[in-house]
PDB file of N, CA and C in Angstrom:
ATOM      1  N   MET A   1     -10.613  20.905 -20.163  1.00  0.00           N
ATOM      2  CA  MET A   1     -12.017  20.536 -20.338  1.00  0.00           C
ATOM      3  C   MET A   1     -12.144  19.056 -20.673  1.00  0.00           C
ATOM      4  N   PHE A   2     -11.252  18.547 -21.495  1.00  0.00           N
ATOM      5  CA  PHE A   2     -11.324  17.139 -21.893  1.00  0.00           C
ATOM      6  C   PHE A   2     -11.377  16.210 -20.690  1.00  0.00           C
ATOM      7  N   VAL A   3     -10.497  16.435 -19.725  1.00  0.00           N
ATOM      8  CA  VAL A   3     -10.403  15.538 -18.578  1.00  0.00           C
ATOM      9  C   VAL A   3     -11.701  15.555 -17.791  1.00  0.00           C
ATOM     10  N   HIS A   4     -12.225  16.743 -17.499  1.00  0.00           N
ATOM     11  CA  HIS A   4     -13.468  16.841 -16.728  1.00  0.00           C
ATOM     12  C   HIS A   4     -14.616  16.136 -17.458  1.00  0.00           C
ATOM     13  N   GLU A   5     -14.732  16.357 -18.751  1.00  0.00           N
ATOM     14  CA  GLU A   5     -15.792  15.707 -19.543  1.00  0.00           C
ATOM     15  C   GLU A   5     -15.661  14.189 -19.514  1.00  0.00           C
ATOM     16  N   ARG A   6     -14.441  13.691 -19.639  1.00  0.00           N
ATOM     17  CA  ARG A   6     -14.238  12.244 -19.646  1.00  0.00           C
ATOM     18  C   ARG A   6     -14.499  11.644 -18.267  1.00  0.00           C
ATOM     19  N   ILE A   7     -14.107  12.354 -17.216  1.00  0.00           N
ATOM     20  CA  ILE A   7     -14.407  11.868 -15.859  1.00  0.00           C
ATOM     21  C   ILE A   7     -15.919  11.769 -15.673  1.00  0.00           C
ATOM     22  N   GLU A   8     -16.642  12.796 -16.078  1.00  0.00           N
ATOM     23  CA  GLU A   8     -18.105  12.771 -15.929  1.00  0.00           C
ATOM     24  C   GLU A   8     -18.716  11.639 -16.754  1.00  0.00           C
ATOM     25  N   HIS A   9     -18.203  11.436 -17.958  1.00  0.00           N
ATOM     26  CA  HIS A   9     -18.703  10.341 -18.799  1.00  0.00           C
ATOM     27  C   HIS A   9     -18.508   8.992 -18.107  1.00  0.00           C
ATOM     28  N   TRP A  10     -17.284   8.732 -17.635  1.00  0.00           N
ATOM     29  CA  TRP A  10     -17.004   7.423 -17.042  1.00  0.00           C
ATOM     30  C   TRP A  10     -17.642   7.256 -15.664  1.00  0.00           C
ATOM     31  N   LYS A  11     -17.867   8.341 -14.946  1.00  0.00           N
ATOM     32  CA  LYS A  11     -18.636   8.247 -13.699  1.00  0.00           C
ATOM     33  C   LYS A  11     -20.046   7.741 -14.003  1.00  0.00           C
ATOM     34  N   THR A  12     -20.628   8.241 -15.095  1.00  0.00           N
ATOM     35  CA  THR A  12     -21.968   7.800 -15.494  1.00  0.00           C
ATOM     36  C   THR A  12     -21.952   6.332 -15.911  1.00  0.00           C
ATOM     37  N   VAL A  13     -21.011   5.954 -16.748  1.00  0.00           N
ATOM     38  CA  VAL A  13     -20.913   4.565 -17.209  1.00  0.00           C
ATOM     39  C   VAL A  13     -20.751   3.609 -16.028  1.00  0.00           C
ATOM     40  N   LEU A  14     -19.919   3.992 -15.057  1.00  0.00           N
ATOM     41  CA  LEU A  14     -19.619   3.119 -13.914  1.00  0.00           C
ATOM     42  C   LEU A  14     -20.593   3.295 -12.756  1.00  0.00           C
ATOM     43  N   LYS A  15     -21.581   4.164 -12.945  1.00  0.00           N
ATOM     44  CA  LYS A  15     -22.630   4.391 -11.937  1.00  0.00           C
ATOM     45  C   LYS A  15     -22.052   4.881 -10.601  1.00  0.00           C
ATOM     46  N   ILE A  16     -21.155   5.858 -10.705  1.00  0.00           N
ATOM     47  CA  ILE A  16     -20.593   6.486  -9.507  1.00  0.00           C
ATOM     48  C   ILE A  16     -20.776   8.006  -9.590  1.00  0.00           C
ATOM     49  N   ASN A  17     -21.931   8.426 -10.113  1.00  0.00           N
ATOM     50  CA  ASN A  17     -22.222   9.851 -10.265  1.00  0.00           C
ATOM     51  C   ASN A  17     -22.267  10.598  -8.941  1.00  0.00           C
ATOM     52  N   ASP A  18     -22.482   9.874  -7.848  1.00  0.00           N
ATOM     53  CA  ASP A  18     -22.556  10.517  -6.539  1.00  0.00           C
ATOM     54  C   ASP A  18     -21.175  10.821  -5.960  1.00  0.00           C
ATOM     55  N   TRP A  19     -20.125  10.467  -6.665  1.00  0.00           N
ATOM     56  CA  TRP A  19     -18.749  10.754  -6.236  1.00  0.00           C
ATOM     57  C   TRP A  19     -18.287  12.089  -6.792  1.00  0.00           C
ATOM     58  N   ASN A  20     -17.514  12.820  -6.006  1.00  0.00           N
ATOM     59  CA  ASN A  20     -16.862  14.036  -6.454  1.00  0.00           C
ATOM     60  C   ASN A  20     -15.393  13.705  -6.703  1.00  0.00           C
ATOM     61  N   ILE A  21     -14.967  13.786  -7.948  1.00  0.00           N
ATOM     62  CA  ILE A  21     -13.595  13.461  -8.330  1.00  0.00           C
ATOM     63  C   ILE A  21     -12.920  14.738  -8.810  1.00  0.00           C
ATOM     64  N   VAL A  22     -11.779  15.057  -8.203  1.00  0.00           N
ATOM     65  CA  VAL A  22     -10.993  16.212  -8.629  1.00  0.00           C
ATOM     66  C   VAL A  22      -9.600  15.733  -9.032  1.00  0.00           C
ATOM     67  N   CYS A  23      -8.958  16.512  -9.869  1.00  0.00           N
ATOM     68  CA  CYS A  23      -7.612  16.174 -10.332  1.00  0.00           C
ATOM     69  C   CYS A  23      -6.594  17.104  -9.678  1.00  0.00           C
ATOM     70  N   GLN A  24      -5.444  16.544  -9.363  1.00  0.00           N
ATOM     71  CA  GLN A  24      -4.365  17.320  -8.767  1.00  0.00           C
ATOM     72  C   GLN A  24      -3.053  16.940  -9.439  1.00  0.00           C
ATOM     73  N   SER A  25      -2.485  17.894 -10.158  1.00  0.00           N
ATOM     74  CA  SER A  25      -1.188  17.679 -10.778  1.00  0.00           C
ATOM     75  C   SER A  25      -0.111  17.771  -9.704  1.00  0.00           C
ATOM     76  N   ILE A  26       0.829  16.833  -9.723  1.00  0.00           N
ATOM     77  CA  ILE A  26       1.939  16.834  -8.776  1.00  0.00           C
ATOM     78  C   ILE A  26       3.252  16.687  -9.540  1.00  0.00           C
ATOM     79  N   SER A  27       4.330  17.015  -8.885  1.00  0.00           N
ATOM     80  CA  SER A  27       5.658  16.888  -9.476  1.00  0.00           C
ATOM     81  C   SER A  27       6.164  15.457  -9.349  1.00  0.00           C
ATOM     82  N   GLU A  28       6.913  15.010 -10.331  1.00  0.00           N
ATOM     83  CA  GLU A  28       7.550  13.695 -10.219  1.00  0.00           C
ATOM     84  C   GLU A  28       8.458  13.628  -9.000  1.00  0.00           C
ATOM     85  N   MET A  29       8.936  14.762  -8.539  1.00  0.00           N
ATOM     86  CA  MET A  29       9.806  14.788  -7.366  1.00  0.00           C
ATOM     87  C   MET A  29       9.036  14.565  -6.069  1.00  0.00           C
ATOM     88  N   GLN A  30       7.701  14.505  -6.150  1.00  0.00           N
ATOM     89  CA  GLN A  30       6.882  14.175  -4.992  1.00  0.00           C
ATOM     90  C   GLN A  30       6.610  12.677  -4.913  1.00  0.00           C
ATOM     91  N   VAL A  31       7.089  11.928  -5.890  1.00  0.00           N
ATOM     92  CA  VAL A  31       6.785  10.500  -5.987  1.00  0.00           C
ATOM     93  C   VAL A  31       8.041   9.697  -5.687  1.00  0.00           C
ATOM     94  N   THR A  32       7.917   8.749  -4.769  1.00  0.00           N
ATOM     95  CA  THR A  32       9.021   7.837  -4.490  1.00  0.00           C
ATOM     96  C   THR A  32       8.642   6.447  -4.962  1.00  0.00           C
ATOM     97  N   GLU A  33       9.637   5.655  -5.249  1.00  0.00           N
ATOM     98  CA  GLU A  33       9.428   4.284  -5.713  1.00  0.00           C
ATOM     99  C   GLU A  33      10.036   3.335  -4.694  1.00  0.00           C
ATOM    100  N   ALA A  34       9.176   2.622  -3.974  1.00  0.00           N
ATOM    101  CA  ALA A  34       9.633   1.699  -2.936  1.00  0.00           C
ATOM    102  C   ALA A  34      10.506   0.587  -3.509  1.00  0.00           C
ATOM    103  N   LEU A  35      10.212   0.162  -4.718  1.00  0.00           N
ATOM    104  CA  LEU A  35      10.985  -0.920  -5.319  1.00  0.00           C
ATOM    105  C   LEU A  35      12.362  -0.453  -5.787  1.00  0.00           C
ATOM    106  N   MET A  36      12.600   0.850  -5.725  1.00  0.00           N
ATOM    107  CA  MET A  36      13.887   1.411  -6.158  1.00  0.00           C
ATOM    108  C   MET A  36      14.503   2.211  -5.004  1.00  0.00           C
ATOM    109  N   ASP A  37      14.475   1.625  -3.822  1.00  0.00           N
ATOM    110  CA  ASP A  37      15.072   2.251  -2.632  1.00  0.00           C
ATOM    111  C   ASP A  37      14.524   3.638  -2.345  1.00  0.00           C
ATOM    112  N   ASP A  38      13.220   3.804  -2.552  1.00  0.00           N
ATOM    113  CA  ASP A  38      12.540   5.075  -2.271  1.00  0.00           C
ATOM    114  C   ASP A  38      13.154   6.269  -3.001  1.00  0.00           C
ATOM    115  N   THR A  39      13.594   6.038  -4.224  1.00  0.00           N
ATOM    116  CA  THR A  39      14.154   7.134  -5.014  1.00  0.00           C
ATOM    117  C   THR A  39      13.042   8.070  -5.483  1.00  0.00           C
ATOM    118  N   LEU A  40      13.376   9.313  -5.639  1.00  0.00           N
ATOM    119  CA  LEU A  40      12.433  10.332  -6.099  1.00  0.00           C
ATOM    120  C   LEU A  40      12.431  10.415  -7.620  1.00  0.00           C
ATOM    121  N   GLY A  41      11.354  11.008  -8.151  1.00  0.00           N
ATOM    122  CA  GLY A  41      11.332  11.357  -9.561  1.00  0.00           C
ATOM    123  C   GLY A  41      10.717  10.311 -10.457  1.00  0.00           C
ATOM    124  N   HIS A  42       9.499   9.900 -10.157  1.00  0.00           N
ATOM    125  CA  HIS A  42       8.847   8.860 -10.953  1.00  0.00           C
ATOM    126  C   HIS A  42       7.479   9.326 -11.437  1.00  0.00           C
ATOM    127  N   GLU A  43       7.096   8.841 -12.609  1.00  0.00           N
ATOM    128  CA  GLU A  43       5.774   9.116 -13.150  1.00  0.00           C
ATOM    129  C   GLU A  43       4.734   8.438 -12.272  1.00  0.00           C
ATOM    130  N   PHE A  44       3.574   9.092 -12.135  1.00  0.00           N
ATOM    131  CA  PHE A  44       2.547   8.535 -11.257  1.00  0.00           C
ATOM    132  C   PHE A  44       1.172   8.992 -11.702  1.00  0.00           C
ATOM    133  N   VAL A  45       0.216   8.060 -11.639  1.00  0.00           N
ATOM    134  CA  VAL A  45      -1.211   8.351 -11.744  1.00  0.00           C
ATOM    135  C   VAL A  45      -1.879   7.459 -10.710  1.00  0.00           C
ATOM    136  N   GLY A  46      -2.649   8.047  -9.827  1.00  0.00           N
ATOM    137  CA  GLY A  46      -3.326   7.262  -8.799  1.00  0.00           C
ATOM    138  C   GLY A  46      -4.414   8.078  -8.136  1.00  0.00           C
ATOM    139  N   ILE A  47      -5.349   7.366  -7.511  1.00  0.00           N
ATOM    140  CA  ILE A  47      -6.474   8.055  -6.882  1.00  0.00           C
ATOM    141  C   ILE A  47      -6.505   7.765  -5.394  1.00  0.00           C
ATOM    142  N   GLU A  48      -6.751   8.825  -4.624  1.00  0.00           N
ATOM    143  CA  GLU A  48      -6.980   8.699  -3.188  1.00  0.00           C
ATOM    144  C   GLU A  48      -8.492   8.760  -2.993  1.00  0.00           C
ATOM    145  N   ARG A  49      -9.043   7.759  -2.324  1.00  0.00           N
ATOM    146  CA  ARG A  49     -10.494   7.650  -2.184  1.00  0.00           C
ATOM    147  C   ARG A  49     -10.906   7.837  -0.729  1.00  0.00           C
ATOM    148  N   GLN A  50     -11.966   8.607  -0.534  1.00  0.00           N
ATOM    149  CA  GLN A  50     -12.591   8.769   0.779  1.00  0.00           C
ATOM    150  C   GLN A  50     -14.021   8.235   0.645  1.00  0.00           C
ATOM    151  N   PHE A  51     -14.219   7.008   1.087  1.00  0.00           N
ATOM    152  CA  PHE A  51     -15.503   6.353   0.859  1.00  0.00           C
ATOM    153  C   PHE A  51     -16.630   6.983   1.671  1.00  0.00           C
ATOM    154  N   ASP A  52     -16.325   7.493   2.872  1.00  0.00           N
ATOM    155  CA  ASP A  52     -17.388   8.079   3.695  1.00  0.00           C
ATOM    156  C   ASP A  52     -17.970   9.341   3.070  1.00  0.00           C
ATOM    157  N   SER A  53     -17.133  10.150   2.430  1.00  0.00           N
ATOM    158  CA  SER A  53     -17.617  11.383   1.797  1.00  0.00           C
ATOM    159  C   SER A  53     -17.780  11.246   0.279  1.00  0.00           C
ATOM    160  N   LYS A  54     -17.446  10.075  -0.256  1.00  0.00           N
ATOM    161  CA  LYS A  54     -17.523   9.807  -1.697  1.00  0.00           C
ATOM    162  C   LYS A  54     -16.774  10.872  -2.497  1.00  0.00           C
ATOM    163  N   THR A  55     -15.525  11.077  -2.095  1.00  0.00           N
ATOM    164  CA  THR A  55     -14.663  12.002  -2.817  1.00  0.00           C
ATOM    165  C   THR A  55     -13.378  11.292  -3.216  1.00  0.00           C
ATOM    166  N   GLY A  56     -12.818  11.728  -4.310  1.00  0.00           N
ATOM    167  CA  GLY A  56     -11.560  11.165  -4.775  1.00  0.00           C
ATOM    168  C   GLY A  56     -10.673  12.254  -5.352  1.00  0.00           C
ATOM    169  N   ILE A  57      -9.383  12.134  -5.092  1.00  0.00           N
ATOM    170  CA  ILE A  57      -8.400  13.039  -5.688  1.00  0.00           C
ATOM    171  C   ILE A  57      -7.520  12.208  -6.604  1.00  0.00           C
ATOM    172  N   LEU A  58      -7.556  12.546  -7.879  1.00  0.00           N
ATOM    173  CA  LEU A  58      -6.787  11.825  -8.883  1.00  0.00           C
ATOM    174  C   LEU A  58      -5.471  12.582  -9.076  1.00  0.00           C
ATOM    175  N   TYR A  59      -4.403  12.054  -8.491  1.00  0.00           N
ATOM    176  CA  TYR A  59      -3.074  12.664  -8.585  1.00  0.00           C
ATOM    177  C   TYR A  59      -2.392  12.190  -9.862  1.00  0.00           C
ATOM    178  N   HIS A  60      -1.660  13.103 -10.506  1.00  0.00           N
ATOM    179  CA  HIS A  60      -0.966  12.723 -11.743  1.00  0.00           C
ATOM    180  C   HIS A  60       0.244  13.606 -11.965  1.00  0.00           C
ATOM    181  N   THR A  61       1.284  12.990 -12.539  1.00  0.00           N
ATOM    182  CA  THR A  61       2.513  13.735 -12.852  1.00  0.00           C
ATOM    183  C   THR A  61       2.614  14.081 -14.326  1.00  0.00           C
ATOM    184  N   ARG A  62       1.658  13.642 -15.101  1.00  0.00           N
ATOM    185  CA  ARG A  62       1.655  13.899 -16.549  1.00  0.00           C
ATOM    186  C   ARG A  62       0.213  14.117 -16.975  1.00  0.00           C
ATOM    187  N   PRO A  63      -0.025  14.621 -18.184  1.00  0.00           N
ATOM    188  CA  PRO A  63      -1.405  14.774 -18.638  1.00  0.00           C
ATOM    189  C   PRO A  63      -2.141  13.433 -18.603  1.00  0.00           C
ATOM    190  N   LEU A  64      -3.379  13.482 -18.135  1.00  0.00           N
ATOM    191  CA  LEU A  64      -4.175  12.262 -18.036  1.00  0.00           C
ATOM    192  C   LEU A  64      -4.703  11.839 -19.399  1.00  0.00           C
ATOM    193  N   LEU A  65      -4.661  10.542 -19.631  1.00  0.00           N
ATOM    194  CA  LEU A  65      -5.236   9.939 -20.827  1.00  0.00           C
ATOM    195  C   LEU A  65      -6.557   9.283 -20.440  1.00  0.00           C
ATOM    196  N   GLU A  66      -7.363   8.986 -21.430  1.00  0.00           N
ATOM    197  CA  GLU A  66      -8.670   8.396 -21.125  1.00  0.00           C
ATOM    198  C   GLU A  66      -8.536   7.066 -20.391  1.00  0.00           C
ATOM    199  N   ASP A  67      -7.562   6.236 -20.775  1.00  0.00           N
ATOM    200  CA  ASP A  67      -7.425   4.959 -20.076  1.00  0.00           C
ATOM    201  C   ASP A  67      -6.982   5.153 -18.623  1.00  0.00           C
ATOM    202  N   ASP A  68      -6.262   6.239 -18.324  1.00  0.00           N
ATOM    203  CA  ASP A  68      -5.936   6.556 -16.923  1.00  0.00           C
ATOM    204  C   ASP A  68      -7.212   6.813 -16.132  1.00  0.00           C
ATOM    205  N   ILE A  69      -8.103   7.590 -16.719  1.00  0.00           N
ATOM    206  CA  ILE A  69      -9.364   7.946 -16.059  1.00  0.00           C
ATOM    207  C   ILE A  69     -10.198   6.702 -15.815  1.00  0.00           C
ATOM    208  N   ILE A  70     -10.339   5.868 -16.837  1.00  0.00           N
ATOM    209  CA  ILE A  70     -11.097   4.624 -16.691  1.00  0.00           C
ATOM    210  C   ILE A  70     -10.496   3.776 -15.572  1.00  0.00           C
ATOM    211  N   HIS A  71      -9.194   3.601 -15.610  1.00  0.00           N
ATOM    212  CA  HIS A  71      -8.497   2.753 -14.639  1.00  0.00           C
ATOM    213  C   HIS A  71      -8.729   3.236 -13.212  1.00  0.00           C
ATOM    214  N   GLU A  72      -8.523   4.524 -12.979  1.00  0.00           N
ATOM    215  CA  GLU A  72      -8.649   5.037 -11.619  1.00  0.00           C
ATOM    216  C   GLU A  72     -10.099   5.026 -11.141  1.00  0.00           C
ATOM    217  N   LEU A  73     -11.049   5.278 -12.028  1.00  0.00           N
ATOM    218  CA  LEU A  73     -12.458   5.228 -11.621  1.00  0.00           C
ATOM    219  C   LEU A  73     -12.923   3.793 -11.371  1.00  0.00           C
ATOM    220  N   LEU A  74     -12.322   2.829 -12.048  1.00  0.00           N
ATOM    221  CA  LEU A  74     -12.614   1.430 -11.715  1.00  0.00           C
ATOM    222  C   LEU A  74     -12.175   1.110 -10.287  1.00  0.00           C
ATOM    223  N   HIS A  75     -11.072   1.694  -9.838  1.00  0.00           N
ATOM    224  CA  HIS A  75     -10.641   1.512  -8.446  1.00  0.00           C
ATOM    225  C   HIS A  75     -11.679   2.071  -7.475  1.00  0.00           C
ATOM    226  N   VAL A  76     -12.350   3.147  -7.867  1.00  0.00           N
ATOM    227  CA  VAL A  76     -13.407   3.723  -7.029  1.00  0.00           C
ATOM    228  C   VAL A  76     -14.616   2.796  -7.013  1.00  0.00           C
ATOM    229  N   ARG A  77     -15.039   2.364  -8.190  1.00  0.00           N
ATOM    230  CA  ARG A  77     -16.260   1.535  -8.310  1.00  0.00           C
ATOM    231  C   ARG A  77     -16.081   0.145  -7.713  1.00  0.00           C
ATOM    232  N   TYR A  78     -14.898  -0.431  -7.884  1.00  0.00           N
ATOM    233  CA  TYR A  78     -14.641  -1.802  -7.436  1.00  0.00           C
ATOM    234  C   TYR A  78     -13.388  -1.845  -6.561  1.00  0.00           C
ATOM    235  N   PRO A  79     -13.457  -1.320  -5.347  1.00  0.00           N
ATOM    236  CA  PRO A  79     -12.257  -1.246  -4.502  1.00  0.00           C
ATOM    237  C   PRO A  79     -11.685  -2.605  -4.122  1.00  0.00           C
ATOM    238  N   GLU A  80     -12.481  -3.643  -4.221  1.00  0.00           N
ATOM    239  CA  GLU A  80     -12.007  -4.984  -3.858  1.00  0.00           C
ATOM    240  C   GLU A  80     -11.259  -5.684  -4.994  1.00  0.00           C
ATOM    241  N   TRP A  81     -11.297  -5.124  -6.185  1.00  0.00           N
ATOM    242  CA  TRP A  81     -10.632  -5.750  -7.333  1.00  0.00           C
ATOM    243  C   TRP A  81      -9.119  -5.633  -7.212  1.00  0.00           C
ATOM    244  N   SER A  82      -8.431  -6.656  -7.707  1.00  0.00           N
ATOM    245  CA  SER A  82      -6.969  -6.622  -7.772  1.00  0.00           C
ATOM    246  C   SER A  82      -6.531  -5.635  -8.855  1.00  0.00           C
ATOM    247  N   GLU A  83      -5.276  -5.225  -8.790  1.00  0.00           N
ATOM    248  CA  GLU A  83      -4.723  -4.341  -9.815  1.00  0.00           C
ATOM    249  C   GLU A  83      -4.781  -5.016 -11.188  1.00  0.00           C
ATOM    250  N   GLU A  84      -4.527  -6.318 -11.233  1.00  0.00           N
ATOM    251  CA  GLU A  84      -4.573  -7.048 -12.496  1.00  0.00           C
ATOM    252  C   GLU A  84      -5.982  -7.023 -13.093  1.00  0.00           C
ATOM    253  N   LYS A  85      -6.993  -7.197 -12.253  1.00  0.00           N
ATOM    254  CA  LYS A  85      -8.370  -7.185 -12.747  1.00  0.00           C
ATOM    255  C   LYS A  85      -8.765  -5.793 -13.234  1.00  0.00           C
ATOM    256  N   VAL A  86      -8.377  -4.749 -12.501  1.00  0.00           N
ATOM    257  CA  VAL A  86      -8.662  -3.381 -12.934  1.00  0.00           C
ATOM    258  C   VAL A  86      -7.982  -3.100 -14.274  1.00  0.00           C
ATOM    259  N   THR A  87      -6.749  -3.528 -14.423  1.00  0.00           N
ATOM    260  CA  THR A  87      -6.019  -3.331 -15.679  1.00  0.00           C
ATOM    261  C   THR A  87      -6.710  -4.062 -16.825  1.00  0.00           C
ATOM    262  N   PHE A  88      -7.146  -5.281 -16.564  1.00  0.00           N
ATOM    263  CA  PHE A  88      -7.847  -6.059 -17.588  1.00  0.00           C
ATOM    264  C   PHE A  88      -9.116  -5.347 -18.050  1.00  0.00           C
ATOM    265  N   TRP A  89      -9.951  -4.916 -17.095  1.00  0.00           N
ATOM    266  CA  TRP A  89     -11.211  -4.265 -17.447  1.00  0.00           C
ATOM    267  C   TRP A  89     -10.981  -2.885 -18.065  1.00  0.00           C
ATOM    268  N   THR A  90      -9.924  -2.199 -17.659  1.00  0.00           N
ATOM    269  CA  THR A  90      -9.577  -0.931 -18.315  1.00  0.00           C
ATOM    270  C   THR A  90      -9.347  -1.174 -19.795  1.00  0.00           C
ATOM    271  N   SER A  91      -8.595  -2.223 -20.119  1.00  0.00           N
ATOM    272  CA  SER A  91      -8.306  -2.507 -21.529  1.00  0.00           C
ATOM    273  C   SER A  91      -9.571  -2.839 -22.306  1.00  0.00           C
ATOM    274  N   LEU A  92     -10.502  -3.548 -21.675  1.00  0.00           N
ATOM    275  CA  LEU A  92     -11.765  -3.859 -22.365  1.00  0.00           C
ATOM    276  C   LEU A  92     -12.602  -2.607 -22.588  1.00  0.00           C
ATOM    277  N   LEU A  93     -12.762  -1.805 -21.553  1.00  0.00           N
ATOM    278  CA  LEU A  93     -13.587  -0.609 -21.663  1.00  0.00           C
ATOM    279  C   LEU A  93     -12.970   0.430 -22.594  1.00  0.00           C
ATOM    280  N   PHE A  94     -11.665   0.478 -22.641  1.00  0.00           N
ATOM    281  CA  PHE A  94     -10.967   1.423 -23.506  1.00  0.00           C
ATOM    282  C   PHE A  94     -10.975   0.953 -24.957  1.00  0.00           C
ATOM    283  N   GLY A  95     -11.343  -0.298 -25.178  1.00  0.00           N
ATOM    284  CA  GLY A  95     -11.427  -0.811 -26.537  1.00  0.00           C
ATOM    285  C   GLY A  95     -10.158  -1.427 -27.050  1.00  0.00           C
ATOM    286  N   GLU A  96      -9.241  -1.714 -26.157  1.00  0.00           N
ATOM    287  CA  GLU A  96      -7.992  -2.370 -26.530  1.00  0.00           C
ATOM    288  C   GLU A  96      -7.785  -3.587 -25.631  1.00  0.00           C
ATOM    289  N   PRO A  97      -8.648  -4.593 -25.777  1.00  0.00           N
ATOM    290  CA  PRO A  97      -8.583  -5.734 -24.852  1.00  0.00           C
ATOM    291  C   PRO A  97      -7.253  -6.468 -24.893  1.00  0.00           C
ATOM    292  N   VAL A  98      -6.801  -6.797 -23.712  1.00  0.00           N
ATOM    293  CA  VAL A  98      -5.571  -7.571 -23.539  1.00  0.00           C
ATOM    294  C   VAL A  98      -6.016  -8.927 -23.009  1.00  0.00           C
ATOM    295  N   LEU A  99      -6.279  -9.838 -23.916  1.00  0.00           N
ATOM    296  CA  LEU A  99      -6.869 -11.119 -23.524  1.00  0.00           C
ATOM    297  C   LEU A  99      -5.831 -12.170 -23.163  1.00  0.00           C
ATOM    298  N   GLU A 100      -4.563 -11.811 -23.180  1.00  0.00           N
ATOM    299  CA  GLU A 100      -3.565 -12.795 -22.800  1.00  0.00           C
ATOM    300  C   GLU A 100      -3.352 -12.858 -21.293  1.00  0.00           C
ATOM    301  N   HIS A 101      -4.114 -12.050 -20.534  1.00  0.00           N
ATOM    302  CA  HIS A 101      -4.037 -12.165 -19.076  1.00  0.00           C
ATOM    303  C   HIS A 101      -4.299 -13.609 -18.684  1.00  0.00           C
ATOM    304  N   LYS A 102      -3.522 -14.108 -17.754  1.00  0.00           N
ATOM    305  CA  LYS A 102      -3.691 -15.504 -17.347  1.00  0.00           C
ATOM    306  C   LYS A 102      -5.071 -15.765 -16.742  1.00  0.00           C
ATOM    307  N   SER A 103      -5.714 -14.716 -16.229  1.00  0.00           N
ATOM    308  CA  SER A 103      -7.011 -14.893 -15.586  1.00  0.00           C
ATOM    309  C   SER A 103      -8.146 -14.275 -16.387  1.00  0.00           C
ATOM    310  N   ALA A 104      -7.955 -14.062 -17.686  1.00  0.00           N
ATOM    311  CA  ALA A 104      -8.973 -13.382 -18.490  1.00  0.00           C
ATOM    312  C   ALA A 104     -10.325 -14.062 -18.389  1.00  0.00           C
ATOM    313  N   MET A 105     -10.377 -15.363 -18.476  1.00  0.00           N
ATOM    314  CA  MET A 105     -11.660 -16.051 -18.409  1.00  0.00           C
ATOM    315  C   MET A 105     -12.302 -15.903 -17.035  1.00  0.00           C
ATOM    316  N   GLU A 106     -11.488 -15.870 -16.003  1.00  0.00           N
ATOM    317  CA  GLU A 106     -12.012 -15.666 -14.647  1.00  0.00           C
ATOM    318  C   GLU A 106     -12.713 -14.314 -14.544  1.00  0.00           C
ATOM    319  N   TYR A 107     -12.180 -13.294 -15.220  1.00  0.00           N
ATOM    320  CA  TYR A 107     -12.746 -11.956 -15.154  1.00  0.00           C
ATOM    321  C   TYR A 107     -13.983 -11.809 -16.037  1.00  0.00           C
ATOM    322  N   LEU A 108     -14.125 -12.668 -17.027  1.00  0.00           N
ATOM    323  CA  LEU A 108     -15.255 -12.546 -17.947  1.00  0.00           C
ATOM    324  C   LEU A 108     -16.440 -13.431 -17.585  1.00  0.00           C
ATOM    325  N   LEU A 109     -16.161 -14.575 -16.982  1.00  0.00           N
ATOM    326  CA  LEU A 109     -17.228 -15.523 -16.675  1.00  0.00           C
ATOM    327  C   LEU A 109     -17.725 -15.341 -15.237  1.00  0.00           C
ATOM    328  N   PRO A 110     -19.037 -15.481 -15.026  1.00  0.00           N
ATOM    329  CA  PRO A 110     -19.528 -15.379 -13.646  1.00  0.00           C
ATOM    330  C   PRO A 110     -18.975 -16.504 -12.784  1.00  0.00           C
ATOM    331  N   THR A 111     -18.715 -16.183 -11.541  1.00  0.00           N
ATOM    332  CA  THR A 111     -18.232 -17.179 -10.604  1.00  0.00           C
ATOM    333  C   THR A 111     -19.286 -17.414  -9.543  1.00  0.00           C
ATOM    334  N   GLY A 112     -19.142 -18.482  -8.841  1.00  0.00           N
ATOM    335  CA  GLY A 112     -20.095 -18.691  -7.749  1.00  0.00           C
ATOM    336  C   GLY A 112     -20.527 -20.059  -7.736  1.00  0.00           C
TER     337      GLY A 112
END
């Protein structure tokens, strides 16, 4: 119940209520790591997004934490953001800001 409630909460905060997000637990043996010669058996949390149908499947090999949910839903809301920017904003929204990011000011100040 916790995960579903938190997903609904963060969908509202991020204004993506029109998305259907489901969770799918997977085995670590289904995950390969390209940086480690495609070896099996790695922890994973990630979302597969279908923008045309506004659906997402949040795959995970371990119990989801709130910052996992925030992070993956930010990928839905802002698909053009870099991984570093999503990580930065996850830390802010989760209440544990990591301001030593080299681009922190770029992410906080308007550009243009």
